[in-house]
Amino acid sequence: MSKLTLITGGAGFIGTNYAARLIERGDHPAIFDNLSRVGTPGNVQWLRDTYGVDSFEMIEGDVRDADAVSSAIQGAGRVLHLAAQVAVTTSVIDPRTDFEINALGTLNVLEAARLSPHKPVVIYASTNKVYGDLEDVKVAEGEDSYYFPDHPDGIAESQLMDFHSPYGCSKGAGDQYVRDYHRIFGLPTVVFRQSCIYGPHQFGIEDQGWVAWFVIAAVTGKPITIFGDGKQVRDLLFVDDLLAAYDLAAENIDKSAGQIYNIGGGRENTLSIWKEFGPMLEKELGQEIPVSWEPWRPGDQRVFITDIQKASRDLGWVPEIGVESGIQKLFDWVRANQDLF
């Protein structure tokens, strides 16, 4: 089997971190990216400056182009499929483009992998948004946060999917295609339904990558808007811990093939988006941070905490970087790179 790893969307936040991880251990990854997102050209330049221009292969292409995807995948033994339209609000404004990137783009990746002589491992970055707004799950309200009284460990993979928003539909379609290509065609595929991932090289914006966005906005003095009441809870996972899960899934593909894993910080790494996160930001900055408030957005989950027990059982994986430590690392990166924002 070929050892080459192809990362679609490899110039984005997670892809850049994974490419760096591979290079540092002596691999020579290929990055496939159309460089359309803010920060992606700079991420590629950072990889070149840090590791050398020949440390990876850069393929400028779009997952909507089936021929380009097929050509890129032919030599790969592992495909990490990250390329996506990533914002719920954008999907509502332009659902066709959202579908073409997330659903059709994923089908292009799977077909190229199926027809490749190497039958590469395909790891797909899905989302907890496939569960919708969890209308059937009881939510209770505490002083500073919401919580699941009947699900103390969080939401497991057995939770019924309920796509809410075009983004949820397109990512959910990709999610199920990836799983089914293992059942029908025997392709070694793994789905990770990811919660809030954060870390360096993340150019968060208001409607996507909220942890990074709040840190960037706090450091640079940009306005912050809170939608809802700020008591919404998410579990946070530092990017290095996510990458470790990807590696473990590939290394244990005999067990992980065809599986779906909810992946996030779990119940030990939760934070309400402003009632708890706000004071952390203000303590780090040493000053009060003004915010504006807007109504809840459609499909916003009051709380999402990932039950990570399946990944722990199958892969021997647990998060190692706590919320405070991880956010400090993100702060350090943002402060060191303020000229990028």
C-alpha atoms as a PDB file:
ATOM      1  CA  MET A   1       0.000   0.000   0.000  1.00  0.00           C
ATOM      2  CA  SER A   2       1.157   3.494  -0.792  1.00  0.00           C
ATOM      3  CA  LYS A   3       2.202   5.482   2.287  1.00  0.00           C
ATOM      4  CA  LEU A   4       1.294   8.845   0.766  1.00  0.00           C
ATOM      5  CA  THR A   5      -1.317  10.825   2.688  1.00  0.00           C
ATOM      6  CA  LEU A   6      -3.543  13.182   0.712  1.00  0.00           C
ATOM      7  CA  ILE A   7      -5.311  15.900   2.710  1.00  0.00           C
ATOM      8  CA  THR A   8      -8.251  17.518   0.941  1.00  0.00           C
ATOM      9  CA  GLY A   9      -8.728  20.995   2.340  1.00  0.00           C
ATOM     10  CA  GLY A  10      -5.181  20.593   3.547  1.00  0.00           C
ATOM     11  CA  ALA A  11      -4.427  24.316   3.644  1.00  0.00           C
ATOM     12  CA  GLY A  12      -7.187  24.920   6.171  1.00  0.00           C
ATOM     13  CA  PHE A  13      -6.945  24.919   9.945  1.00  0.00           C
ATOM     14  CA  ILE A  14      -7.023  21.178  10.662  1.00  0.00           C
ATOM     15  CA  GLY A  15      -5.254  20.250   7.437  1.00  0.00           C
ATOM     16  CA  THR A  16      -2.316  22.555   8.092  1.00  0.00           C
ATOM     17  CA  ASN A  17      -1.830  21.126  11.554  1.00  0.00           C
ATOM     18  CA  TYR A  18      -2.014  17.575  10.230  1.00  0.00           C
ATOM     19  CA  ALA A  19       0.396  18.300   7.386  1.00  0.00           C
ATOM     20  CA  ALA A  20       2.871  19.709   9.909  1.00  0.00           C
ATOM     21  CA  ARG A  21       2.427  16.610  12.083  1.00  0.00           C
ATOM     22  CA  LEU A  22       3.150  14.314   9.130  1.00  0.00           C
ATOM     23  CA  ILE A  23       6.171  16.295   7.963  1.00  0.00           C
ATOM     24  CA  GLU A  24       7.646  16.320  11.456  1.00  0.00           C
ATOM     25  CA  ARG A  25       7.575  12.537  11.567  1.00  0.00           C
ATOM     26  CA  GLY A  26       9.243  12.215   8.192  1.00  0.00           C
ATOM     27  CA  ASP A  27       6.283  11.837   5.839  1.00  0.00           C
ATOM     28  CA  HIS A  28       5.739  13.786   2.637  1.00  0.00           C
ATOM     29  CA  PRO A  29       2.006  14.621   2.497  1.00  0.00           C
ATOM     30  CA  ALA A  30       0.063  16.007  -0.437  1.00  0.00           C
ATOM     31  CA  ILE A  31      -2.252  18.961   0.121  1.00  0.00           C
ATOM     32  CA  PHE A  32      -5.269  19.378  -2.166  1.00  0.00           C
ATOM     33  CA  ASP A  33      -6.943  22.767  -1.731  1.00  0.00           C
ATOM     34  CA  ASN A  34      -8.482  25.498  -3.867  1.00  0.00           C
ATOM     35  CA  LEU A  35      -7.059  28.156  -1.484  1.00  0.00           C
ATOM     36  CA  SER A  36     -10.359  30.028  -1.397  1.00  0.00           C
ATOM     37  CA  ARG A  37     -10.693  30.416   2.362  1.00  0.00           C
ATOM     38  CA  VAL A  38      -9.162  33.287   4.262  1.00  0.00           C
ATOM     39  CA  GLY A  39      -5.787  32.292   5.653  1.00  0.00           C
ATOM     40  CA  THR A  40      -5.146  29.285   3.415  1.00  0.00           C
ATOM     41  CA  PRO A  41      -2.419  30.854   1.230  1.00  0.00           C
ATOM     42  CA  GLY A  42      -0.695  32.005   4.405  1.00  0.00           C
ATOM     43  CA  ASN A  43      -0.923  28.520   5.909  1.00  0.00           C
ATOM     44  CA  VAL A  44       0.767  27.047   2.837  1.00  0.00           C
ATOM     45  CA  GLN A  45       3.498  29.674   3.047  1.00  0.00           C
ATOM     46  CA  TRP A  46       3.968  28.916   6.750  1.00  0.00           C
ATOM     47  CA  LEU A  47       4.473  25.230   5.965  1.00  0.00           C
ATOM     48  CA  ARG A  48       7.026  26.123   3.275  1.00  0.00           C
ATOM     49  CA  ASP A  49       8.854  28.579   5.506  1.00  0.00           C
ATOM     50  CA  THR A  50       8.885  26.202   8.468  1.00  0.00           C
ATOM     51  CA  TYR A  51       9.648  22.875   6.789  1.00  0.00           C
ATOM     52  CA  GLY A  52      10.957  23.715   3.316  1.00  0.00           C
ATOM     53  CA  VAL A  53       9.349  24.067  -0.080  1.00  0.00           C
ATOM     54  CA  ASP A  54       9.904  20.386  -0.866  1.00  0.00           C
ATOM     55  CA  SER A  55       8.500  19.030   2.412  1.00  0.00           C
ATOM     56  CA  PHE A  56       5.028  18.483   0.926  1.00  0.00           C
ATOM     57  CA  GLU A  57       3.243  18.484  -2.414  1.00  0.00           C
ATOM     58  CA  MET A  58       0.786  21.292  -3.090  1.00  0.00           C
ATOM     59  CA  ILE A  59      -2.061  20.479  -5.503  1.00  0.00           C
ATOM     60  CA  GLU A  60      -4.335  23.423  -6.201  1.00  0.00           C
ATOM     61  CA  GLY A  61      -7.716  21.954  -7.027  1.00  0.00           C
ATOM     62  CA  ASP A  62     -11.380  21.810  -6.096  1.00  0.00           C
ATOM     63  CA  VAL A  63     -13.279  18.780  -4.755  1.00  0.00           C
ATOM     64  CA  ARG A  64     -16.121  19.622  -7.133  1.00  0.00           C
ATOM     65  CA  ASP A  65     -13.775  18.690 -10.001  1.00  0.00           C
ATOM     66  CA  ALA A  66     -14.014  14.905 -10.170  1.00  0.00           C
ATOM     67  CA  ASP A  67     -11.091  14.545 -12.578  1.00  0.00           C
ATOM     68  CA  ALA A  68      -8.798  16.654 -10.391  1.00  0.00           C
ATOM     69  CA  VAL A  69      -9.766  14.644  -7.312  1.00  0.00           C
ATOM     70  CA  SER A  70      -9.213  11.360  -9.112  1.00  0.00           C
ATOM     71  CA  SER A  71      -5.774  12.425 -10.290  1.00  0.00           C
ATOM     72  CA  ALA A  72      -4.752  13.556  -6.807  1.00  0.00           C
ATOM     73  CA  ILE A  73      -5.919  10.370  -5.079  1.00  0.00           C
ATOM     74  CA  GLN A  74      -4.335   7.852  -7.441  1.00  0.00           C
ATOM     75  CA  GLY A  75      -1.077   7.616  -5.481  1.00  0.00           C
ATOM     76  CA  ALA A  76      -2.509   7.884  -1.991  1.00  0.00           C
ATOM     77  CA  GLY A  77      -2.652   5.202   0.669  1.00  0.00           C
ATOM     78  CA  ARG A  78      -4.579   7.421   3.073  1.00  0.00           C
ATOM     79  CA  VAL A  79      -7.029  10.248   2.389  1.00  0.00           C
ATOM     80  CA  LEU A  80      -8.061  12.710   5.059  1.00  0.00           C
ATOM     81  CA  HIS A  81     -11.136  14.420   3.624  1.00  0.00           C
ATOM     82  CA  LEU A  82     -11.451  17.850   5.216  1.00  0.00           C
ATOM     83  CA  ALA A  83     -12.443  20.007   2.237  1.00  0.00           C
ATOM     84  CA  ALA A  84     -15.842  21.520   2.954  1.00  0.00           C
ATOM     85  CA  GLN A  85     -18.148  24.487   3.072  1.00  0.00           C
ATOM     86  CA  VAL A  86     -18.151  24.904   6.826  1.00  0.00           C
ATOM     87  CA  ALA A  87     -20.688  27.572   7.866  1.00  0.00           C
ATOM     88  CA  VAL A  88     -24.386  27.025   8.576  1.00  0.00           C
ATOM     89  CA  THR A  89     -25.267  30.616   7.669  1.00  0.00           C
ATOM     90  CA  THR A  90     -23.484  30.364   4.314  1.00  0.00           C
ATOM     91  CA  SER A  91     -25.392  27.175   3.528  1.00  0.00           C
ATOM     92  CA  VAL A  92     -28.682  28.987   4.095  1.00  0.00           C
ATOM     93  CA  ILE A  93     -27.647  31.807   1.766  1.00  0.00           C
ATOM     94  CA  ASP A  94     -26.304  29.500  -0.964  1.00  0.00           C
ATOM     95  CA  PRO A  95     -27.500  25.903  -0.479  1.00  0.00           C
ATOM     96  CA  ARG A  96     -26.506  24.757  -3.971  1.00  0.00           C
ATOM     97  CA  THR A  97     -22.825  25.583  -3.517  1.00  0.00           C
ATOM     98  CA  ASP A  98     -22.946  24.045  -0.055  1.00  0.00           C
ATOM     99  CA  PHE A  99     -24.332  20.813  -1.540  1.00  0.00           C
ATOM    100  CA  GLU A 100     -21.865  20.714  -4.406  1.00  0.00           C
ATOM    101  CA  ILE A 101     -18.854  21.086  -2.106  1.00  0.00           C
ATOM    102  CA  ASN A 102     -19.967  18.917   0.814  1.00  0.00           C
ATOM    103  CA  ALA A 103     -22.108  16.194  -0.742  1.00  0.00           C
ATOM    104  CA  LEU A 104     -20.912  15.992  -4.354  1.00  0.00           C
ATOM    105  CA  GLY A 105     -17.322  16.730  -3.346  1.00  0.00           C
ATOM    106  CA  THR A 106     -17.387  13.839  -0.900  1.00  0.00           C
ATOM    107  CA  LEU A 107     -18.842  11.522  -3.540  1.00  0.00           C
ATOM    108  CA  ASN A 108     -15.990  12.547  -5.860  1.00  0.00           C
ATOM    109  CA  VAL A 109     -13.464  11.610  -3.170  1.00  0.00           C
ATOM    110  CA  LEU A 110     -15.126   8.254  -2.516  1.00  0.00           C
ATOM    111  CA  GLU A 111     -15.392   7.345  -6.177  1.00  0.00           C
ATOM    112  CA  ALA A 112     -11.755   8.231  -6.769  1.00  0.00           C
ATOM    113  CA  ALA A 113     -10.757   6.108  -3.772  1.00  0.00           C
ATOM    114  CA  ARG A 114     -12.955   3.201  -4.886  1.00  0.00           C
ATOM    115  CA  LEU A 115     -11.392   3.178  -8.337  1.00  0.00           C
ATOM    116  CA  SER A 116      -7.833   3.627  -7.071  1.00  0.00           C
ATOM    117  CA  PRO A 117      -5.591   0.529  -7.174  1.00  0.00           C
ATOM    118  CA  HIS A 118      -4.396   1.378  -3.639  1.00  0.00           C
ATOM    119  CA  LYS A 119      -7.888   1.323  -2.020  1.00  0.00           C
ATOM    120  CA  PRO A 120      -6.817   4.047   0.407  1.00  0.00           C
ATOM    121  CA  VAL A 121      -8.098   4.528   3.926  1.00  0.00           C
ATOM    122  CA  VAL A 122     -10.575   7.433   3.821  1.00  0.00           C
ATOM    123  CA  ILE A 123     -11.133   9.429   7.003  1.00  0.00           C
ATOM    124  CA  TYR A 124     -14.010  11.881   6.818  1.00  0.00           C
ATOM    125  CA  ALA A 125     -14.482  14.957   9.000  1.00  0.00           C
ATOM    126  CA  SER A 126     -18.216  15.051   9.691  1.00  0.00           C
ATOM    127  CA  THR A 127     -19.956  17.207  12.286  1.00  0.00           C
ATOM    128  CA  ASN A 128     -22.203  17.018  15.330  1.00  0.00           C
ATOM    129  CA  LYS A 129     -24.641  19.134  13.303  1.00  0.00           C
ATOM    130  CA  VAL A 130     -25.940  15.878  11.773  1.00  0.00           C
ATOM    131  CA  TYR A 131     -27.890  15.484  15.043  1.00  0.00           C
ATOM    132  CA  GLY A 132     -29.818  18.702  14.473  1.00  0.00           C
ATOM    133  CA  ASP A 133     -31.013  20.720  17.438  1.00  0.00           C
ATOM    134  CA  LEU A 134     -31.681  17.593  19.565  1.00  0.00           C
ATOM    135  CA  GLU A 135     -35.371  18.347  20.039  1.00  0.00           C
ATOM    136  CA  ASP A 136     -35.982  14.940  21.640  1.00  0.00           C
ATOM    137  CA  VAL A 137     -33.175  15.283  24.210  1.00  0.00           C
ATOM    138  CA  LYS A 138     -34.076  16.864  27.531  1.00  0.00           C
ATOM    139  CA  VAL A 139     -32.087  20.003  28.327  1.00  0.00           C
ATOM    140  CA  ALA A 140     -31.938  21.653  31.751  1.00  0.00           C
ATOM    141  CA  GLU A 141     -30.783  25.169  32.578  1.00  0.00           C
ATOM    142  CA  GLY A 142     -28.234  25.950  35.254  1.00  0.00           C
ATOM    143  CA  GLU A 143     -26.996  29.294  36.508  1.00  0.00           C
ATOM    144  CA  ASP A 144     -24.281  29.685  33.835  1.00  0.00           C
ATOM    145  CA  SER A 145     -24.924  26.820  31.443  1.00  0.00           C
ATOM    146  CA  TYR A 146     -27.307  24.295  29.935  1.00  0.00           C
ATOM    147  CA  TYR A 147     -26.829  20.570  30.475  1.00  0.00           C
ATOM    148  CA  PHE A 148     -28.239  17.133  29.617  1.00  0.00           C
ATOM    149  CA  PRO A 149     -29.797  15.692  32.788  1.00  0.00           C
ATOM    150  CA  ASP A 150     -30.343  12.283  31.142  1.00  0.00           C
ATOM    151  CA  HIS A 151     -27.047  12.097  29.225  1.00  0.00           C
ATOM    152  CA  PRO A 152     -24.242  12.853  31.708  1.00  0.00           C
ATOM    153  CA  ASP A 153     -21.602  11.490  29.312  1.00  0.00           C
ATOM    154  CA  GLY A 154     -22.968  13.412  26.347  1.00  0.00           C
ATOM    155  CA  ILE A 155     -24.434  12.387  22.989  1.00  0.00           C
ATOM    156  CA  ALA A 156     -23.424   8.976  21.657  1.00  0.00           C
ATOM    157  CA  GLU A 157     -23.352   7.675  18.092  1.00  0.00           C
ATOM    158  CA  SER A 158     -26.719   5.958  18.690  1.00  0.00           C
ATOM    159  CA  GLN A 159     -28.459   9.364  18.723  1.00  0.00           C
ATOM    160  CA  LEU A 160     -30.780   9.625  15.731  1.00  0.00           C
ATOM    161  CA  MET A 161     -29.625  11.972  13.020  1.00  0.00           C
ATOM    162  CA  ASP A 162     -31.897  14.926  12.279  1.00  0.00           C
ATOM    163  CA  PHE A 163     -30.335  17.192   9.689  1.00  0.00           C
ATOM    164  CA  HIS A 164     -31.189  20.834  10.348  1.00  0.00           C
ATOM    165  CA  SER A 165     -29.981  23.447   7.829  1.00  0.00           C
ATOM    166  CA  PRO A 166     -28.572  22.835   4.352  1.00  0.00           C
ATOM    167  CA  TYR A 167     -25.149  22.448   5.975  1.00  0.00           C
ATOM    168  CA  GLY A 168     -26.430  19.656   8.205  1.00  0.00           C
ATOM    169  CA  CYS A 169     -28.012  17.987   5.169  1.00  0.00           C
ATOM    170  CA  SER A 170     -24.909  18.187   2.972  1.00  0.00           C
ATOM    171  CA  LYS A 171     -22.494  17.048   5.668  1.00  0.00           C
ATOM    172  CA  GLY A 172     -24.910  14.338   6.739  1.00  0.00           C
ATOM    173  CA  ALA A 173     -25.184  13.081   3.153  1.00  0.00           C
ATOM    174  CA  GLY A 174     -21.393  12.883   2.968  1.00  0.00           C
ATOM    175  CA  ASP A 175     -21.307  11.166   6.367  1.00  0.00           C
ATOM    176  CA  GLN A 176     -23.644   8.398   5.215  1.00  0.00           C
ATOM    177  CA  TYR A 177     -21.983   7.985   1.824  1.00  0.00           C
ATOM    178  CA  VAL A 178     -18.627   7.500   3.528  1.00  0.00           C
ATOM    179  CA  ARG A 179     -20.043   4.849   5.835  1.00  0.00           C
ATOM    180  CA  ASP A 180     -21.891   3.077   3.032  1.00  0.00           C
ATOM    181  CA  TYR A 181     -18.854   2.892   0.754  1.00  0.00           C
ATOM    182  CA  HIS A 182     -17.375   0.551   3.344  1.00  0.00           C
ATOM    183  CA  ARG A 183     -20.523  -1.593   3.537  1.00  0.00           C
ATOM    184  CA  ILE A 184     -21.157  -1.770  -0.201  1.00  0.00           C
ATOM    185  CA  PHE A 185     -17.678  -1.534  -1.738  1.00  0.00           C
ATOM    186  CA  GLY A 186     -15.416  -2.608   1.125  1.00  0.00           C
ATOM    187  CA  LEU A 187     -13.525   0.685   1.106  1.00  0.00           C
ATOM    188  CA  PRO A 188     -11.782   1.259   4.473  1.00  0.00           C
ATOM    189  CA  THR A 189     -13.583   4.397   5.607  1.00  0.00           C
ATOM    190  CA  VAL A 190     -14.006   6.080   9.002  1.00  0.00           C
ATOM    191  CA  VAL A 191     -16.383   8.904   9.969  1.00  0.00           C
ATOM    192  CA  PHE A 192     -15.572  11.374  12.740  1.00  0.00           C
ATOM    193  CA  ARG A 193     -18.529  13.481  13.865  1.00  0.00           C
ATOM    194  CA  GLN A 194     -16.563  16.361  15.284  1.00  0.00           C
ATOM    195  CA  SER A 195     -17.519  18.823  17.989  1.00  0.00           C
ATOM    196  CA  CYS A 196     -15.772  22.192  18.516  1.00  0.00           C
ATOM    197  CA  ILE A 197     -12.172  21.838  17.355  1.00  0.00           C
ATOM    198  CA  TYR A 198      -9.796  24.725  18.029  1.00  0.00           C
ATOM    199  CA  GLY A 199      -6.107  25.577  17.855  1.00  0.00           C
ATOM    200  CA  PRO A 200      -3.432  27.489  15.926  1.00  0.00           C
ATOM    201  CA  HIS A 201      -3.851  28.327  12.231  1.00  0.00           C
ATOM    202  CA  GLN A 202      -7.600  28.657  12.742  1.00  0.00           C
ATOM    203  CA  PHE A 203      -8.965  31.815  11.141  1.00  0.00           C
ATOM    204  CA  GLY A 204     -12.288  31.720  12.951  1.00  0.00           C
ATOM    205  CA  ILE A 205     -15.142  33.970  11.873  1.00  0.00           C
ATOM    206  CA  GLU A 206     -18.424  34.851  13.538  1.00  0.00           C
ATOM    207  CA  ASP A 207     -20.412  31.939  12.105  1.00  0.00           C
ATOM    208  CA  GLN A 208     -17.696  29.276  12.141  1.00  0.00           C
ATOM    209  CA  GLY A 209     -14.804  28.498  14.465  1.00  0.00           C
ATOM    210  CA  TRP A 210     -16.259  30.464  17.374  1.00  0.00           C
ATOM    211  CA  VAL A 211     -13.508  29.662  19.895  1.00  0.00           C
ATOM    212  CA  ALA A 212     -10.807  31.065  17.629  1.00  0.00           C
ATOM    213  CA  TRP A 213     -13.055  33.955  16.587  1.00  0.00           C
ATOM    214  CA  PHE A 214     -13.606  35.055  20.187  1.00  0.00           C
ATOM    215  CA  VAL A 215      -9.878  34.913  20.920  1.00  0.00           C
ATOM    216  CA  ILE A 216      -8.987  36.754  17.701  1.00  0.00           C
ATOM    217  CA  ALA A 217     -11.657  39.389  18.307  1.00  0.00           C
ATOM    218  CA  ALA A 218     -10.626  39.862  21.937  1.00  0.00           C
ATOM    219  CA  VAL A 219      -6.945  40.302  21.082  1.00  0.00           C
ATOM    220  CA  THR A 220      -7.512  42.584  18.080  1.00  0.00           C
ATOM    221  CA  GLY A 221     -10.403  44.615  19.483  1.00  0.00           C
ATOM    222  CA  LYS A 222     -13.019  43.453  16.984  1.00  0.00           C
ATOM    223  CA  PRO A 223     -16.695  43.479  18.070  1.00  0.00           C
ATOM    224  CA  ILE A 224     -18.144  40.279  19.513  1.00  0.00           C
ATOM    225  CA  THR A 225     -21.814  39.330  19.136  1.00  0.00           C
ATOM    226  CA  ILE A 226     -23.433  36.668  21.299  1.00  0.00           C
ATOM    227  CA  PHE A 227     -26.457  34.923  19.769  1.00  0.00           C
ATOM    228  CA  GLY A 228     -28.823  33.623  22.424  1.00  0.00           C
ATOM    229  CA  ASP A 229     -28.056  34.002  26.107  1.00  0.00           C
ATOM    230  CA  GLY A 230     -24.395  32.928  26.230  1.00  0.00           C
ATOM    231  CA  LYS A 231     -25.191  29.869  28.357  1.00  0.00           C
ATOM    232  CA  GLN A 232     -24.945  27.472  25.410  1.00  0.00           C
ATOM    233  CA  VAL A 233     -22.466  24.709  26.204  1.00  0.00           C
ATOM    234  CA  ARG A 234     -20.008  22.965  23.900  1.00  0.00           C
ATOM    235  CA  ASP A 235     -17.264  20.466  24.491  1.00  0.00           C
ATOM    236  CA  LEU A 236     -13.930  21.676  23.123  1.00  0.00           C
ATOM    237  CA  LEU A 237     -11.148  19.591  21.600  1.00  0.00           C
ATOM    238  CA  PHE A 238      -7.666  20.932  20.891  1.00  0.00           C
ATOM    239  CA  VAL A 239      -6.574  20.118  17.363  1.00  0.00           C
ATOM    240  CA  ASP A 240      -3.569  17.981  18.366  1.00  0.00           C
ATOM    241  CA  ASP A 241      -5.902  15.576  20.178  1.00  0.00           C
ATOM    242  CA  LEU A 242      -8.093  15.301  17.079  1.00  0.00           C
ATOM    243  CA  LEU A 243      -5.063  14.489  14.916  1.00  0.00           C
ATOM    244  CA  ALA A 244      -4.069  11.745  17.324  1.00  0.00           C
ATOM    245  CA  ALA A 245      -7.529  10.219  16.827  1.00  0.00           C
ATOM    246  CA  TYR A 246      -7.084  10.309  13.045  1.00  0.00           C
ATOM    247  CA  ASP A 247      -3.771   8.474  13.365  1.00  0.00           C
ATOM    248  CA  LEU A 248      -5.186   5.854  15.718  1.00  0.00           C
ATOM    249  CA  ALA A 249      -8.111   5.190  13.373  1.00  0.00           C
ATOM    250  CA  ALA A 250      -5.733   4.646  10.449  1.00  0.00           C
ATOM    251  CA  GLU A 251      -3.372   2.494  12.499  1.00  0.00           C
ATOM    252  CA  ASN A 252      -6.285   0.344  13.708  1.00  0.00           C
ATOM    253  CA  ILE A 253      -8.220   0.260  10.453  1.00  0.00           C
ATOM    254  CA  ASP A 254      -9.152  -3.414  10.918  1.00  0.00           C
ATOM    255  CA  LYS A 255     -11.301  -2.269  13.845  1.00  0.00           C
ATOM    256  CA  SER A 256     -12.253   1.255  12.760  1.00  0.00           C
ATOM    257  CA  ALA A 257     -13.239   0.613   9.120  1.00  0.00           C
ATOM    258  CA  GLY A 258     -16.903   1.337   8.593  1.00  0.00           C
ATOM    259  CA  GLN A 259     -17.254   2.925  12.020  1.00  0.00           C
ATOM    260  CA  ILE A 260     -18.611   6.286  13.103  1.00  0.00           C
ATOM    261  CA  TYR A 261     -17.047   8.075  16.065  1.00  0.00           C
ATOM    262  CA  ASN A 262     -18.329  11.101  17.927  1.00  0.00           C
ATOM    263  CA  ILE A 263     -15.177  13.053  18.678  1.00  0.00           C
ATOM    264  CA  GLY A 264     -14.783  16.044  20.941  1.00  0.00           C
ATOM    265  CA  GLY A 265     -13.515  17.095  24.307  1.00  0.00           C
ATOM    266  CA  GLY A 266     -16.140  15.104  26.175  1.00  0.00           C
ATOM    267  CA  ARG A 267     -17.667  15.993  29.508  1.00  0.00           C
ATOM    268  CA  GLU A 268     -14.291  16.929  31.017  1.00  0.00           C
ATOM    269  CA  ASN A 269     -13.717  19.744  28.505  1.00  0.00           C
ATOM    270  CA  THR A 270     -16.903  21.782  28.339  1.00  0.00           C
ATOM    271  CA  LEU A 271     -17.474  25.522  28.326  1.00  0.00           C
ATOM    272  CA  SER A 272     -20.486  27.797  28.028  1.00  0.00           C
ATOM    273  CA  ILE A 273     -19.800  30.108  25.126  1.00  0.00           C
ATOM    274  CA  TRP A 274     -19.881  33.367  27.065  1.00  0.00           C
ATOM    275  CA  LYS A 275     -20.969  32.956  30.692  1.00  0.00           C
ATOM    276  CA  GLU A 276     -17.821  30.871  31.292  1.00  0.00           C
ATOM    277  CA  PHE A 277     -15.626  31.687  28.288  1.00  0.00           C
ATOM    278  CA  GLY A 278     -16.102  35.444  28.639  1.00  0.00           C
ATOM    279  CA  PRO A 279     -14.472  35.659  32.085  1.00  0.00           C
ATOM    280  CA  MET A 280     -11.561  33.532  30.811  1.00  0.00           C
ATOM    281  CA  LEU A 281     -10.972  35.980  27.956  1.00  0.00           C
ATOM    282  CA  GLU A 282     -11.259  39.004  30.228  1.00  0.00           C
ATOM    283  CA  LYS A 283      -8.815  37.499  32.729  1.00  0.00           C
ATOM    284  CA  GLU A 284      -6.295  36.838  29.946  1.00  0.00           C
ATOM    285  CA  LEU A 285      -6.650  40.371  28.559  1.00  0.00           C
ATOM    286  CA  GLY A 286      -6.875  42.050  31.931  1.00  0.00           C
ATOM    287  CA  GLN A 287      -9.906  44.094  30.917  1.00  0.00           C
ATOM    288  CA  GLU A 288     -13.644  43.900  30.370  1.00  0.00           C
ATOM    289  CA  ILE A 289     -14.765  42.882  26.879  1.00  0.00           C
ATOM    290  CA  PRO A 290     -17.909  44.597  25.542  1.00  0.00           C
ATOM    291  CA  VAL A 291     -20.311  42.388  23.592  1.00  0.00           C
ATOM    292  CA  SER A 292     -23.618  42.860  21.780  1.00  0.00           C
ATOM    293  CA  TRP A 293     -26.513  40.425  22.015  1.00  0.00           C
ATOM    294  CA  GLU A 294     -28.740  39.048  19.265  1.00  0.00           C
ATOM    295  CA  PRO A 295     -31.597  36.483  19.193  1.00  0.00           C
ATOM    296  CA  TRP A 296     -30.989  32.760  18.903  1.00  0.00           C
ATOM    297  CA  ARG A 297     -30.096  31.513  15.431  1.00  0.00           C
ATOM    298  CA  PRO A 298     -32.157  28.707  13.776  1.00  0.00           C
ATOM    299  CA  GLY A 299     -30.912  25.246  14.708  1.00  0.00           C
ATOM    300  CA  ASP A 300     -28.623  26.444  17.503  1.00  0.00           C
ATOM    301  CA  GLN A 301     -28.153  23.686  20.068  1.00  0.00           C
ATOM    302  CA  ARG A 302     -28.564  24.794  23.689  1.00  0.00           C
ATOM    303  CA  VAL A 303     -25.937  22.254  24.609  1.00  0.00           C
ATOM    304  CA  PHE A 304     -23.800  19.694  22.827  1.00  0.00           C
ATOM    305  CA  ILE A 305     -21.415  17.441  24.706  1.00  0.00           C
ATOM    306  CA  THR A 306     -19.804  14.517  22.933  1.00  0.00           C
ATOM    307  CA  ASP A 307     -19.871  11.033  24.392  1.00  0.00           C
ATOM    308  CA  ILE A 308     -16.365   9.884  23.450  1.00  0.00           C
ATOM    309  CA  GLN A 309     -16.499   6.429  25.018  1.00  0.00           C
ATOM    310  CA  LYS A 310     -16.632   4.517  21.715  1.00  0.00           C
ATOM    311  CA  ALA A 311     -13.446   6.163  20.413  1.00  0.00           C
ATOM    312  CA  SER A 312     -11.830   5.475  23.763  1.00  0.00           C
ATOM    313  CA  ARG A 313     -12.828   1.795  23.696  1.00  0.00           C
ATOM    314  CA  ASP A 314     -11.955   1.096  20.055  1.00  0.00           C
ATOM    315  CA  LEU A 315      -8.895   3.291  19.603  1.00  0.00           C
ATOM    316  CA  GLY A 316      -7.503   3.776  23.102  1.00  0.00           C
ATOM    317  CA  TRP A 317      -7.941   7.512  22.590  1.00  0.00           C
ATOM    318  CA  VAL A 318      -8.580  10.211  25.198  1.00  0.00           C
ATOM    319  CA  PRO A 319      -8.073  13.986  25.024  1.00  0.00           C
ATOM    320  CA  GLU A 320      -4.829  15.041  26.669  1.00  0.00           C
ATOM    321  CA  ILE A 321      -4.989  18.859  26.373  1.00  0.00           C
ATOM    322  CA  GLY A 322      -7.462  20.534  28.702  1.00  0.00           C
ATOM    323  CA  VAL A 323      -9.525  23.592  27.851  1.00  0.00           C
ATOM    324  CA  GLU A 324      -7.465  26.140  29.790  1.00  0.00           C
ATOM    325  CA  SER A 325      -4.160  24.830  28.415  1.00  0.00           C
ATOM    326  CA  GLY A 326      -5.491  24.655  24.864  1.00  0.00           C
ATOM    327  CA  ILE A 327      -6.987  28.133  24.905  1.00  0.00           C
ATOM    328  CA  GLN A 328      -3.697  29.501  26.240  1.00  0.00           C
ATOM    329  CA  LYS A 329      -1.914  27.907  23.263  1.00  0.00           C
ATOM    330  CA  LEU A 330      -4.442  29.533  20.939  1.00  0.00           C
ATOM    331  CA  PHE A 331      -3.974  32.911  22.641  1.00  0.00           C
ATOM    332  CA  ASP A 332      -0.203  32.622  22.220  1.00  0.00           C
ATOM    333  CA  TRP A 333      -0.567  31.883  18.502  1.00  0.00           C
ATOM    334  CA  VAL A 334      -3.028  34.731  17.892  1.00  0.00           C
ATOM    335  CA  ARG A 335      -0.827  37.227  19.729  1.00  0.00           C
ATOM    336  CA  ALA A 336       2.220  36.115  17.760  1.00  0.00           C
ATOM    337  CA  ASN A 337       0.359  36.509  14.467  1.00  0.00           C
ATOM    338  CA  GLN A 338      -1.806  39.607  14.921  1.00  0.00           C
ATOM    339  CA  ASP A 339      -0.686  40.924  11.545  1.00  0.00           C
ATOM    340  CA  LEU A 340      -2.681  38.105   9.907  1.00  0.00           C
ATOM    341  CA  PHE A 341      -6.044  39.305  11.193  1.00  0.00           C
END
